[in-house]
Amino acid sequence: MTTYKFHPYIDDYLNAIENGDFPANKDIKKMVKWVRFKLNRPGVVIDHEKIEKAVDLMHRYFPYKLLHWELFKIACIHCYEPDGSVVFDEFFTLMGRGNGKNGFISPTAFYLTSPLHGIKGYNVEIVANSEEQAKTSFQDVYDMMDEKKNHKAKKHYYRSKEIIIGRKTNSHIKFYTSNAKTKDSLRSGCLIFDELHAYENYDSIKVFTSGLGKKKHPRTFIITTNGNVRGGPLDDYLDEAEQVLNMEMPNSGMLPMLFRLDDEKEVHQRDMWEKANPSIRFMKDLENEIEKQYTKMLTRPQMALEFMTKRMNLPVQDSYAAVTTWDKIVAATKHPFDLKEFKGMQCIGAVDYAEVNDFCSVGLLFKKNGKRYWLEHTFINHKALKVENRKINYDVDTAVKKGLVTIVKDESIKPSYIADWFVEQAKSFQIVNIAADNYRASILQEEFTARGLPLRIVRSGPPTHAKVAPLIDMMFANEEIAFGDNSNMRWYTNNVYVEIDKKGNKAFYKIEPKTRKTDGFFALIHALVIDDEIKEVKPMQFYKTYTY
């Protein structure tokens, strides 16, 4: 007879991972230790009866059986602290497309609004960027009630195309798109954020989470594949999840299940695909589809990027297209630098913008101790954020609050705004020169001359790019460029791609012309063109002297 320490669904899954019964990545192996740590603490209670009732209800009404990872998660829902609160209040699941994320959420949402869960008014809100995605799990529950064998469920629930309400618990299931302006005063028991990778900022997350805590046992479920939006909420959640799995946040209530490859080379080992796709051994159609896409991606580079991101949850950038890897971009912005250390130092200024009624980036370049430091600020004309059919995929509001962005409420970003910034910086630093291309310099010249600011015209375009490309490559590769804690520069740099001509010369271009901006990166290029006009500050060396 098997002896279980926690519950069969928990023990069987954890033991299978530890025994190597199926391929598991390093994050899932760390999760085993995390769960054991959380559940082994004195006074933790696992409600076996509720677990069995939950699974029985789901199997009774939905046309499929829950898989091992799903049963494990259902069991973890019913783990309680000595004070009666839940052990895990945030379930963060990252897995490849097609593995049944919604197939798990749909019956879970149904159960949590049922009398078997036992909490009245335990509302479940499903949130996604698009109505189609937000409605997926809602529609699963709605359609389930149309089955003849499920007439009891239909009898005990009121439903419309917008809301499903349990008559006995007065708990509802409702779906929302991430329009954060109309969701105040919610009294949620459970939040479900679907496909977090598409979220560009925290607007909707903040609005919805503000309604948690008004009901007993609040929970949040985050289900997502990886995606192409870098520097957004998903990256923050992944960072936090890694801290949790490294046992750096022992009081956290997060249960991270990060299904992804450990290394991109594993994509060529079919038995490793299960690391990112935990349902693949149970779903032959999924396996066949992944196999077909893998075959295509071997000869189609653009499909390879999508395949690695969505199926294997390991985004890779085309080495022939990216300026640098995302990790190197993050490294450049990971640690703030203290401007007091640069007071009185020489620097090169630079400016770049496309239109005077759009974005404008200004910056100062310093050289110290073998590294370059780029202090950047962005001006945005208020009209640029209101252009019809153009959604800027960047969290401007947060950048404004952090002092990285100034919104110009004027008809245009006049030269005076730019000159004011440099004049202010000149109070602390020695600005040797300010670089701009011919177009920008022609607009700025009169104002800069009147204010006593230097202005150097530099060439733009492929010839200039080819000149500075080796320096840019070296700076990122050796982590010798620092942007400080500047999300602007993360965004700008990640929006640039490289073209290499037949002679091997590199030129930099914007990935997408309307919603992505690159001004800060191109301002940096301007500064690097005249980088040799300032000397590097090196640490002073002291020598002992001897008297004979």
Protein backbone atom coordinates (compact mmCIF):
# COMPACT_ATOMS: atom_id res chain seq x y z
CA MET A 1 0.00 0.00 0.00
CA THR A 2 1.37 3.39 -1.07
CA THR A 3 1.84 5.90 1.71
CA TYR A 4 1.21 9.52 0.79
CA LYS A 5 2.63 12.47 2.67
CA PHE A 6 0.46 15.21 1.15
CA HIS A 7 -2.18 13.96 -1.28
CA PRO A 8 -1.91 11.38 -4.11
CA TYR A 9 -2.22 14.03 -6.81
CA ILE A 10 0.59 16.05 -5.23
CA ASP A 11 2.87 13.18 -4.19
CA ASP A 12 2.54 11.27 -7.46
CA TYR A 13 3.43 14.32 -9.54
CA LEU A 14 6.35 15.42 -7.38
CA ASN A 15 7.74 11.90 -7.16
CA ALA A 16 7.45 11.41 -10.92
CA ILE A 17 9.51 14.54 -11.50
CA GLU A 18 12.15 13.51 -8.98
CA ASN A 19 12.31 9.96 -10.39
CA GLY A 20 12.74 11.22 -13.95
CA ASP A 21 9.55 9.55 -15.19
CA PHE A 22 9.27 12.32 -17.80
CA PRO A 23 11.57 15.16 -18.94
CA ALA A 24 11.40 18.15 -16.62
CA ASN A 25 13.37 21.37 -16.85
CA LYS A 26 15.33 22.96 -14.04
CA ASP A 27 12.42 25.26 -13.12
CA ILE A 28 10.01 22.36 -12.62
CA LYS A 29 12.60 20.51 -10.55
CA LYS A 30 13.02 23.60 -8.39
CA MET A 31 9.24 23.78 -8.08
CA VAL A 32 9.27 20.35 -6.42
CA LYS A 33 11.53 21.67 -3.66
CA TRP A 34 9.44 24.81 -3.33
CA VAL A 35 6.17 22.90 -2.90
CA ARG A 36 7.71 20.49 -0.40
CA PHE A 37 9.05 23.45 1.57
CA LYS A 38 5.66 25.18 1.66
CA LEU A 39 3.65 22.06 2.55
CA ASN A 40 6.08 20.65 5.11
CA ARG A 41 5.70 23.63 7.42
CA PRO A 42 3.92 23.00 10.73
CA GLY A 43 0.16 23.46 10.74
CA VAL A 44 -0.39 23.35 6.96
CA VAL A 45 -3.64 21.53 6.15
CA ILE A 46 -4.53 19.81 2.87
CA ASP A 47 -8.29 19.34 2.43
CA HIS A 48 -8.54 15.90 0.78
CA GLU A 49 -12.32 15.96 0.70
CA LYS A 50 -12.50 19.21 -1.24
CA ILE A 51 -9.84 18.02 -3.70
CA GLU A 52 -11.80 14.85 -4.46
CA LYS A 53 -15.08 16.72 -4.80
CA ALA A 54 -13.51 19.27 -7.13
CA VAL A 55 -12.03 16.64 -9.43
CA ASP A 56 -15.23 14.58 -9.38
CA LEU A 57 -17.28 17.63 -10.39
CA MET A 58 -14.92 18.50 -13.24
CA HIS A 59 -14.84 14.93 -14.56
CA ARG A 60 -18.61 14.65 -14.31
CA TYR A 61 -19.42 17.72 -16.39
CA PHE A 62 -16.49 18.19 -18.78
CA PRO A 63 -15.71 15.78 -21.63
CA TYR A 64 -12.09 15.01 -20.67
CA LYS A 65 -10.04 13.79 -17.74
CA LEU A 66 -7.56 16.07 -16.04
CA LEU A 67 -3.88 15.31 -16.67
CA HIS A 68 -1.19 14.81 -14.04
CA TRP A 69 -0.10 18.47 -13.92
CA GLU A 70 -3.74 19.60 -13.74
CA LEU A 71 -4.61 17.23 -10.91
CA PHE A 72 -1.53 18.44 -9.06
CA LYS A 73 -2.61 22.04 -9.40
CA ILE A 74 -6.19 21.31 -8.30
CA ALA A 75 -4.80 19.69 -5.16
CA CYS A 76 -2.56 22.70 -4.47
CA ILE A 77 -5.63 24.95 -4.59
CA HIS A 78 -6.83 23.29 -1.39
CA CYS A 79 -3.76 23.72 0.79
CA TYR A 80 -4.31 25.97 3.81
CA GLU A 81 -2.19 27.82 6.34
CA PRO A 82 -2.79 27.35 10.09
CA ASP A 83 -4.82 30.59 10.10
CA GLY A 84 -7.12 29.26 7.38
CA SER A 85 -5.71 31.31 4.48
CA VAL A 86 -4.54 29.57 1.33
CA VAL A 87 -0.92 28.47 0.96
CA PHE A 88 -0.89 29.27 -2.75
CA ASP A 89 -2.83 32.34 -3.81
CA GLU A 90 -1.14 32.90 -7.18
CA PHE A 91 -0.82 30.14 -9.79
CA PHE A 92 1.54 31.20 -12.57
CA THR A 93 1.67 28.71 -15.43
CA LEU A 94 3.87 29.14 -18.51
CA MET A 95 3.58 26.40 -21.13
CA GLY A 96 3.63 25.85 -24.86
CA ARG A 97 0.62 26.61 -27.04
CA GLY A 98 -2.00 23.86 -27.30
CA ASN A 99 -1.31 22.10 -23.99
CA GLY A 100 -4.73 22.75 -22.48
CA LYS A 101 -4.30 25.91 -20.41
CA ASN A 102 -7.92 26.87 -21.04
CA GLY A 103 -8.97 23.25 -20.68
CA PHE A 104 -7.78 23.50 -17.09
CA ILE A 105 -9.14 26.98 -16.36
CA SER A 106 -12.66 26.29 -17.65
CA PRO A 107 -13.57 23.48 -15.20
CA THR A 108 -11.67 25.28 -12.42
CA ALA A 109 -13.76 28.42 -12.89
CA PHE A 110 -16.92 26.31 -12.89
CA TYR A 111 -15.92 24.52 -9.69
CA LEU A 112 -15.01 27.72 -7.84
CA THR A 113 -18.52 29.12 -8.39
CA SER A 114 -20.21 25.87 -7.33
CA PRO A 115 -21.72 24.92 -3.93
CA LEU A 116 -18.96 22.31 -3.56
CA HIS A 117 -16.39 25.08 -3.25
CA GLY A 118 -18.67 26.58 -0.66
CA ILE A 119 -17.96 30.31 -0.75
CA LYS A 120 -20.86 32.58 -1.63
CA GLY A 121 -20.21 35.46 -4.02
CA TYR A 122 -16.90 33.94 -5.13
CA ASN A 123 -16.79 35.75 -8.46
CA VAL A 124 -14.44 34.59 -11.19
CA GLU A 125 -13.21 37.27 -13.60
CA ILE A 126 -11.42 36.18 -16.79
CA VAL A 127 -9.22 38.88 -18.35
CA ALA A 128 -7.38 38.92 -21.68
CA ASN A 129 -6.23 41.47 -24.22
CA SER A 130 -8.82 40.44 -26.82
CA GLU A 131 -12.48 39.53 -26.40
CA GLU A 132 -11.96 36.31 -28.33
CA GLN A 133 -9.26 35.13 -25.91
CA ALA A 134 -11.09 36.36 -22.81
CA LYS A 135 -14.23 34.51 -23.88
CA THR A 136 -12.54 31.15 -24.54
CA SER A 137 -12.92 29.59 -21.07
CA PHE A 138 -16.23 31.37 -20.46
CA GLN A 139 -17.59 29.83 -23.66
CA ASP A 140 -16.33 26.37 -22.59
CA VAL A 141 -18.46 26.55 -19.44
CA TYR A 142 -21.42 28.00 -21.34
CA ASP A 143 -21.30 25.25 -23.98
CA MET A 144 -20.84 22.51 -21.38
CA MET A 145 -24.29 23.29 -20.03
CA ASP A 146 -25.85 22.59 -23.42
CA GLU A 147 -24.92 18.92 -23.20
CA LYS A 148 -27.95 16.74 -22.42
CA LYS A 149 -26.16 14.90 -19.64
CA ASN A 150 -25.39 18.21 -17.94
CA HIS A 151 -28.99 19.36 -17.46
CA LYS A 152 -28.41 19.68 -13.71
CA ALA A 153 -25.68 22.25 -14.22
CA LYS A 154 -27.93 24.21 -16.56
CA LYS A 155 -30.68 24.09 -13.95
CA HIS A 156 -28.47 25.46 -11.16
CA TYR A 157 -26.93 28.28 -13.20
CA TYR A 158 -28.30 31.37 -14.87
CA ARG A 159 -26.40 32.22 -18.02
CA SER A 160 -26.28 34.79 -20.77
CA LYS A 161 -23.71 35.60 -23.42
CA GLU A 162 -21.93 37.89 -20.94
CA ILE A 163 -22.28 36.24 -17.51
CA ILE A 164 -22.83 32.86 -15.85
CA ILE A 165 -24.21 32.92 -12.28
CA GLY A 166 -24.47 30.05 -9.82
CA ARG A 167 -27.94 30.29 -8.27
CA LYS A 168 -26.95 28.75 -4.92
CA THR A 169 -23.73 30.66 -4.36
CA ASN A 170 -24.55 33.83 -6.29
CA SER A 171 -21.04 33.54 -7.73
CA HIS A 172 -20.47 34.56 -11.33
CA ILE A 173 -18.08 33.85 -14.18
CA LYS A 174 -17.51 36.88 -16.36
CA PHE A 175 -15.02 37.79 -19.05
CA TYR A 176 -13.35 41.12 -19.74
CA THR A 177 -10.94 42.59 -22.20
CA SER A 178 -8.09 44.54 -20.65
CA ASN A 179 -9.79 47.94 -20.88
CA ALA A 180 -8.79 49.07 -17.43
CA LYS A 181 -11.02 52.12 -17.24
CA THR A 182 -14.37 50.45 -16.52
CA LYS A 183 -13.67 47.77 -13.93
CA ASP A 184 -13.68 49.55 -10.57
CA SER A 185 -15.57 48.23 -7.51
CA LEU A 186 -15.19 44.55 -8.37
CA ARG A 187 -15.53 42.02 -5.55
CA SER A 188 -13.55 39.17 -7.06
CA GLY A 189 -12.82 35.83 -5.49
CA CYS A 190 -10.66 34.66 -8.36
CA LEU A 191 -8.85 36.44 -11.18
CA ILE A 192 -7.70 34.70 -14.34
CA PHE A 193 -5.24 36.55 -16.56
CA ASP A 194 -5.13 34.78 -19.90
CA GLU A 195 -2.06 35.05 -22.18
CA LEU A 196 -0.07 37.48 -20.04
CA HIS A 197 2.57 37.74 -22.77
CA ALA A 198 0.29 40.14 -24.67
CA TYR A 199 0.04 42.62 -21.77
CA GLU A 200 2.19 45.69 -22.42
CA ASN A 201 1.63 47.37 -19.03
CA TYR A 202 0.00 46.91 -15.63
CA ASP A 203 -3.12 49.02 -16.21
CA SER A 204 -5.66 46.20 -16.27
CA ILE A 205 -3.72 44.07 -13.77
CA LYS A 206 -3.79 46.87 -11.18
CA VAL A 207 -7.48 47.59 -11.68
CA PHE A 208 -8.57 43.98 -11.35
CA THR A 209 -6.29 43.01 -8.46
CA SER A 210 -7.60 45.97 -6.46
CA GLY A 211 -10.86 44.03 -6.13
CA LEU A 212 -9.22 41.01 -4.49
CA GLY A 213 -9.25 40.46 -0.74
CA LYS A 214 -12.93 41.23 -0.24
CA LYS A 215 -13.77 37.51 -0.43
CA LYS A 216 -12.34 34.60 1.52
CA HIS A 217 -9.48 32.66 -0.10
CA PRO A 218 -8.68 35.02 -3.00
CA ARG A 219 -6.72 33.41 -5.84
CA THR A 220 -5.12 34.53 -9.07
CA PHE A 221 -4.41 32.28 -12.04
CA ILE A 222 -2.02 33.39 -14.76
CA ILE A 223 -1.88 31.20 -17.86
CA THR A 224 0.33 32.10 -20.79
CA THR A 225 2.79 31.09 -23.44
CA ASN A 226 5.87 33.19 -23.91
CA GLY A 227 5.70 36.11 -26.33
CA ASN A 228 7.46 38.91 -28.13
CA VAL A 229 6.62 41.79 -25.77
CA ARG A 230 9.79 42.30 -23.77
CA GLY A 231 10.08 44.44 -20.67
CA GLY A 232 6.36 44.05 -19.87
CA PRO A 233 4.50 42.29 -17.04
CA LEU A 234 5.42 38.80 -18.25
CA ASP A 235 9.13 39.45 -17.81
CA ASP A 236 8.47 40.83 -14.33
CA TYR A 237 6.44 37.76 -13.38
CA LEU A 238 9.16 35.48 -14.74
CA ASP A 239 11.78 37.32 -12.68
CA GLU A 240 9.65 36.98 -9.55
CA ALA A 241 8.96 33.31 -10.28
CA GLU A 242 12.67 32.61 -10.57
CA GLN A 243 13.28 34.31 -7.22
CA VAL A 244 10.54 32.16 -5.67
CA LEU A 245 12.01 28.98 -7.16
CA ASN A 246 15.44 29.96 -5.87
CA MET A 247 13.94 30.17 -2.37
CA GLU A 248 14.62 33.91 -2.18
CA MET A 249 11.00 34.76 -1.28
CA PRO A 250 9.97 32.18 1.35
CA ASN A 251 6.77 34.04 2.26
CA SER A 252 5.48 34.17 -1.33
CA GLY A 253 2.18 32.48 -2.17
CA MET A 254 3.10 31.98 -5.82
CA LEU A 255 3.14 28.51 -7.37
CA PRO A 256 5.22 28.90 -10.54
CA MET A 257 5.00 26.13 -13.15
CA LEU A 258 7.38 27.21 -15.89
CA PHE A 259 7.34 24.67 -18.68
CA ARG A 260 10.10 25.56 -21.16
CA LEU A 261 13.27 24.19 -22.67
CA ASP A 262 16.46 24.63 -20.67
CA ASP A 263 18.49 25.33 -23.80
CA GLU A 264 17.56 26.18 -27.37
CA LYS A 265 19.62 23.23 -28.64
CA GLU A 266 17.08 20.90 -26.99
CA VAL A 267 14.57 21.80 -29.71
CA HIS A 268 16.31 19.24 -31.91
CA GLN A 269 15.72 16.49 -29.34
CA ARG A 270 12.10 15.36 -29.62
CA ASP A 271 12.10 13.73 -26.20
CA MET A 272 12.89 17.15 -24.68
CA TRP A 273 9.78 18.80 -26.13
CA GLU A 274 7.83 17.63 -23.08
CA LYS A 275 9.77 20.12 -20.94
CA ALA A 276 7.72 22.89 -22.59
CA ASN A 277 4.68 20.78 -23.46
CA PRO A 278 3.64 18.69 -20.44
CA SER A 279 0.52 17.38 -22.21
CA ILE A 280 2.29 16.10 -25.32
CA ARG A 281 2.39 12.44 -24.25
CA PHE A 282 -1.37 12.47 -23.71
CA MET A 283 -2.36 14.45 -26.82
CA LYS A 284 -1.35 12.84 -30.11
CA ASP A 285 -2.77 15.72 -32.16
CA LEU A 286 -0.55 18.16 -30.27
CA GLU A 287 2.50 16.01 -30.89
CA ASN A 288 1.71 15.77 -34.62
CA GLU A 289 1.20 19.53 -34.92
CA ILE A 290 4.47 20.31 -33.15
CA GLU A 291 6.24 17.81 -35.38
CA LYS A 292 4.90 19.51 -38.54
CA GLN A 293 5.85 22.97 -37.32
CA TYR A 294 9.31 21.79 -36.33
CA THR A 295 9.91 20.44 -39.85
CA LYS A 296 8.86 23.76 -41.38
CA MET A 297 10.90 25.89 -39.02
CA LEU A 298 14.13 24.14 -40.04
CA THR A 299 14.03 25.96 -43.38
CA ARG A 300 12.02 29.06 -42.47
CA PRO A 301 13.85 31.32 -39.99
CA GLN A 302 10.80 33.46 -39.17
CA MET A 303 8.83 30.33 -38.24
CA ALA A 304 11.74 29.26 -36.07
CA LEU A 305 11.36 32.39 -33.95
CA GLU A 306 7.63 31.75 -33.52
CA PHE A 307 8.14 28.03 -32.86
CA MET A 308 10.74 28.64 -30.16
CA THR A 309 8.65 31.35 -28.52
CA LYS A 310 5.17 29.81 -28.62
CA ARG A 311 5.84 26.07 -28.60
CA MET A 312 9.05 25.84 -26.59
CA ASN A 313 8.66 28.99 -24.44
CA LEU A 314 12.25 29.97 -25.09
CA PRO A 315 12.28 33.17 -27.16
CA VAL A 316 15.36 33.50 -29.31
CA GLN A 317 16.25 36.42 -31.47
CA ASP A 318 17.47 35.87 -34.99
CA SER A 319 21.22 36.39 -34.64
CA TYR A 320 21.28 37.97 -38.07
CA ALA A 321 18.52 40.42 -37.21
CA ALA A 322 18.81 41.42 -33.56
CA VAL A 323 21.06 44.22 -32.35
CA THR A 324 21.85 42.04 -29.36
CA THR A 325 20.11 39.46 -27.20
CA TRP A 326 17.40 40.45 -24.75
CA ASP A 327 19.62 39.33 -21.87
CA LYS A 328 22.30 41.82 -22.94
CA ILE A 329 19.71 44.60 -23.21
CA VAL A 330 18.50 43.81 -19.70
CA ALA A 331 22.11 43.73 -18.47
CA ALA A 332 22.57 47.28 -19.77
CA THR A 333 19.57 48.51 -17.77
CA LYS A 334 19.74 46.27 -14.75
CA HIS A 335 21.61 48.51 -12.34
CA PRO A 336 21.10 52.26 -11.92
CA PHE A 337 24.21 54.40 -11.96
CA ASP A 338 24.71 57.30 -9.59
CA LEU A 339 24.90 60.57 -11.56
CA LYS A 340 26.77 62.17 -8.66
CA GLU A 341 29.78 60.09 -9.71
CA PHE A 342 29.79 61.86 -13.09
CA LYS A 343 29.46 65.41 -11.82
CA GLY A 344 31.88 67.71 -13.63
CA MET A 345 32.85 65.03 -16.15
CA GLN A 346 33.05 65.52 -19.90
CA CYS A 347 30.29 64.01 -22.02
CA ILE A 348 28.81 63.97 -25.52
CA GLY A 349 25.18 64.98 -26.02
CA ALA A 350 22.93 63.68 -28.78
CA VAL A 351 19.41 64.18 -30.15
CA ASP A 352 17.15 62.09 -32.36
CA TYR A 353 13.51 62.33 -33.39
CA ALA A 354 11.42 61.48 -36.43
CA GLU A 355 8.87 64.31 -36.26
CA VAL A 356 8.51 67.34 -33.98
CA ASN A 357 5.00 66.18 -33.03
CA ASP A 358 6.03 62.64 -32.10
CA PHE A 359 8.89 61.29 -29.93
CA CYS A 360 12.24 62.94 -29.27
CA SER A 361 15.16 61.37 -27.42
CA VAL A 362 18.04 63.29 -25.87
CA GLY A 363 21.02 61.90 -24.04
CA LEU A 364 24.52 62.26 -22.64
CA LEU A 365 27.33 59.76 -23.18
CA PHE A 366 30.08 59.32 -20.56
CA LYS A 367 33.17 57.10 -20.60
CA LYS A 368 34.52 55.77 -17.34
CA ASN A 369 36.54 52.75 -16.20
CA GLY A 370 36.20 50.81 -19.46
CA LYS A 371 32.45 51.36 -19.82
CA ARG A 372 30.16 53.83 -21.53
CA TYR A 373 27.21 55.31 -19.69
CA TRP A 374 24.20 56.69 -21.54
CA LEU A 375 21.85 59.05 -19.71
CA GLU A 376 18.67 59.24 -21.81
CA HIS A 377 15.40 61.18 -21.59
CA THR A 378 12.40 61.17 -23.93
CA PHE A 379 9.99 63.94 -24.86
CA ILE A 380 6.61 62.85 -26.26
CA ASN A 381 4.18 65.23 -27.86
CA HIS A 382 0.74 64.58 -26.36
CA LYS A 383 -0.79 64.22 -29.83
CA ALA A 384 1.46 61.24 -30.59
CA LEU A 385 -0.44 59.19 -28.00
CA LYS A 386 -3.81 59.95 -29.57
CA VAL A 387 -3.20 58.96 -33.18
CA GLU A 388 -6.10 56.87 -34.45
CA ASN A 389 -5.31 53.20 -35.20
CA ARG A 390 -1.86 53.48 -33.63
CA LYS A 391 -1.34 51.94 -30.21
CA ILE A 392 2.13 52.57 -28.79
CA ASN A 393 3.23 49.25 -27.29
CA TYR A 394 5.03 50.80 -24.33
CA ASP A 395 4.00 51.70 -20.78
CA VAL A 396 4.37 55.47 -21.16
CA ASP A 397 2.55 56.29 -17.89
CA THR A 398 5.03 54.36 -15.76
CA ALA A 399 7.97 55.92 -17.61
CA VAL A 400 6.53 59.39 -16.90
CA LYS A 401 6.21 58.58 -13.19
CA LYS A 402 9.83 57.41 -13.11
CA GLY A 403 10.99 60.68 -14.68
CA LEU A 404 12.16 59.03 -17.90
CA VAL A 405 9.56 60.74 -20.12
CA THR A 406 8.17 64.25 -20.39
CA ILE A 407 4.80 64.73 -22.10
CA VAL A 408 4.84 67.96 -24.10
CA LYS A 409 1.39 69.53 -24.12
CA ASP A 410 2.11 71.82 -27.03
CA GLU A 411 1.62 71.77 -30.77
CA SER A 412 5.13 70.39 -31.23
CA ILE A 413 8.33 69.56 -29.38
CA LYS A 414 9.92 72.96 -29.89
CA PRO A 415 13.70 73.37 -29.93
CA SER A 416 13.40 75.27 -26.65
CA TYR A 417 12.28 72.11 -24.81
CA ILE A 418 15.37 70.26 -26.03
CA ALA A 419 17.70 73.18 -25.34
CA ASP A 420 16.27 73.56 -21.82
CA TRP A 421 17.16 69.94 -21.05
CA PHE A 422 20.76 70.32 -22.19
CA VAL A 423 21.16 73.66 -20.40
CA GLU A 424 19.98 72.02 -17.19
CA GLN A 425 22.40 69.12 -17.65
CA ALA A 426 25.24 71.57 -18.35
CA LYS A 427 24.95 72.74 -14.74
CA SER A 428 26.33 69.35 -13.64
CA PHE A 429 28.36 68.05 -16.59
CA GLN A 430 30.80 69.34 -19.20
CA ILE A 431 28.97 68.90 -22.49
CA VAL A 432 31.77 68.93 -25.07
CA ASN A 433 29.46 68.62 -28.07
CA ILE A 434 25.90 67.66 -29.02
CA ALA A 435 25.43 65.42 -32.04
CA ALA A 436 22.48 65.48 -34.42
CA ASP A 437 22.03 64.63 -38.08
CA ASN A 438 21.61 67.34 -40.69
CA TYR A 439 17.79 67.34 -40.58
CA ARG A 440 17.56 67.70 -36.80
CA ALA A 441 20.45 70.14 -36.61
CA SER A 442 18.76 72.51 -39.07
CA ILE A 443 15.77 72.75 -36.71
CA LEU A 444 17.87 73.12 -33.55
CA GLN A 445 20.72 75.36 -34.75
CA GLU A 446 19.21 78.79 -34.05
CA GLU A 447 17.96 77.92 -30.54
CA PHE A 448 21.18 76.14 -29.58
CA THR A 449 23.33 79.05 -30.78
CA ALA A 450 21.23 81.53 -28.82
CA ARG A 451 21.60 79.40 -25.67
CA GLY A 452 25.34 78.87 -26.08
CA LEU A 453 25.03 75.13 -26.76
CA PRO A 454 27.41 73.38 -29.17
CA LEU A 455 25.93 71.41 -32.09
CA ARG A 456 27.76 68.95 -34.30
CA ILE A 457 26.20 67.60 -37.50
CA VAL A 458 26.82 63.88 -37.99
CA ARG A 459 25.87 61.72 -40.94
CA SER A 460 23.02 59.28 -40.56
CA GLY A 461 22.26 56.10 -42.43
CA PRO A 462 24.18 52.94 -43.42
CA PRO A 463 27.68 54.49 -43.83
CA THR A 464 27.57 55.85 -40.29
CA HIS A 465 26.00 52.66 -38.92
CA ALA A 466 28.78 50.57 -40.46
CA LYS A 467 31.33 52.77 -38.72
CA VAL A 468 29.91 52.39 -35.21
CA ALA A 469 28.54 48.82 -35.52
CA PRO A 470 31.74 47.14 -34.24
CA LEU A 471 31.69 49.40 -31.18
CA ILE A 472 28.00 48.64 -30.55
CA ASP A 473 28.65 44.90 -30.90
CA MET A 474 31.54 45.08 -28.44
CA MET A 475 29.66 47.20 -25.89
CA PHE A 476 26.73 44.79 -25.66
CA ALA A 477 28.76 41.58 -25.94
CA ASN A 478 31.12 42.60 -23.12
CA GLU A 479 28.40 44.42 -21.14
CA GLU A 480 30.34 47.66 -21.41
CA ILE A 481 27.32 49.90 -21.93
CA ALA A 482 25.05 51.02 -19.08
CA PHE A 483 21.70 52.74 -19.53
CA GLY A 484 20.82 52.82 -15.85
CA ASP A 485 17.35 51.71 -14.83
CA ASN A 486 15.87 53.05 -18.08
CA SER A 487 12.94 51.16 -19.60
CA ASN A 488 12.96 53.59 -22.54
CA MET A 489 16.29 52.21 -23.72
CA ARG A 490 15.20 48.61 -23.24
CA TRP A 491 12.24 49.33 -25.51
CA TYR A 492 14.14 51.41 -28.07
CA THR A 493 16.97 48.89 -28.44
CA ASN A 494 14.65 45.89 -28.68
CA ASN A 495 12.80 47.63 -31.53
CA VAL A 496 15.87 47.76 -33.80
CA TYR A 497 17.01 45.12 -36.25
CA VAL A 498 20.23 44.80 -38.25
CA GLU A 499 20.70 44.30 -41.96
CA ILE A 500 24.05 42.98 -43.20
CA ASP A 501 25.02 43.65 -46.81
CA LYS A 502 27.15 41.44 -49.04
CA LYS A 503 30.32 43.13 -47.79
CA GLY A 504 29.39 42.46 -44.15
CA ASN A 505 28.49 46.06 -43.36
CA LYS A 506 25.72 46.53 -40.81
CA ALA A 507 22.86 49.02 -40.89
CA PHE A 508 20.20 49.54 -38.22
CA TYR A 509 16.48 49.86 -38.89
CA LYS A 510 13.18 50.06 -37.02
CA ILE A 511 11.34 46.73 -36.79
CA GLU A 512 7.87 48.23 -37.17
CA PRO A 513 7.33 51.86 -38.19
CA LYS A 514 4.12 52.83 -36.37
CA THR A 515 3.95 51.37 -32.87
CA ARG A 516 7.63 50.81 -32.09
CA LYS A 517 10.04 53.66 -31.47
CA THR A 518 13.82 53.70 -31.77
CA ASP A 519 14.76 57.35 -31.13
CA GLY A 520 16.89 56.63 -28.05
CA PHE A 521 18.96 54.01 -29.84
CA PHE A 522 19.64 56.27 -32.82
CA ALA A 523 20.50 59.17 -30.53
CA LEU A 524 23.09 56.86 -28.97
CA ILE A 525 24.47 56.13 -32.45
CA HIS A 526 24.86 59.87 -33.07
CA ALA A 527 26.81 60.22 -29.82
CA LEU A 528 29.06 57.25 -30.65
CA VAL A 529 30.03 58.84 -33.96
CA ILE A 530 31.92 61.58 -32.06
CA ASP A 531 32.74 59.36 -29.09
CA ASP A 532 36.46 60.13 -29.53
CA GLU A 533 35.94 63.79 -28.61
CA ILE A 534 35.92 62.89 -24.92
CA LYS A 535 38.52 60.99 -22.94
CA GLU A 536 37.78 58.03 -20.76
CA VAL A 537 38.00 58.65 -17.03
CA LYS A 538 40.14 55.97 -15.43
CA PRO A 539 40.70 55.24 -11.77
CA MET A 540 43.65 57.07 -10.26
CA GLN A 541 46.69 54.96 -9.59
CA PHE A 542 48.76 55.50 -6.47
CA TYR A 543 52.37 54.50 -6.13
CA LYS A 544 54.44 54.07 -3.04
CA THR A 545 57.56 56.15 -2.87
CA TYR A 546 60.70 55.07 -1.12
CA THR A 547 63.50 57.20 0.29
CA TYR A 548 66.95 55.75 0.22
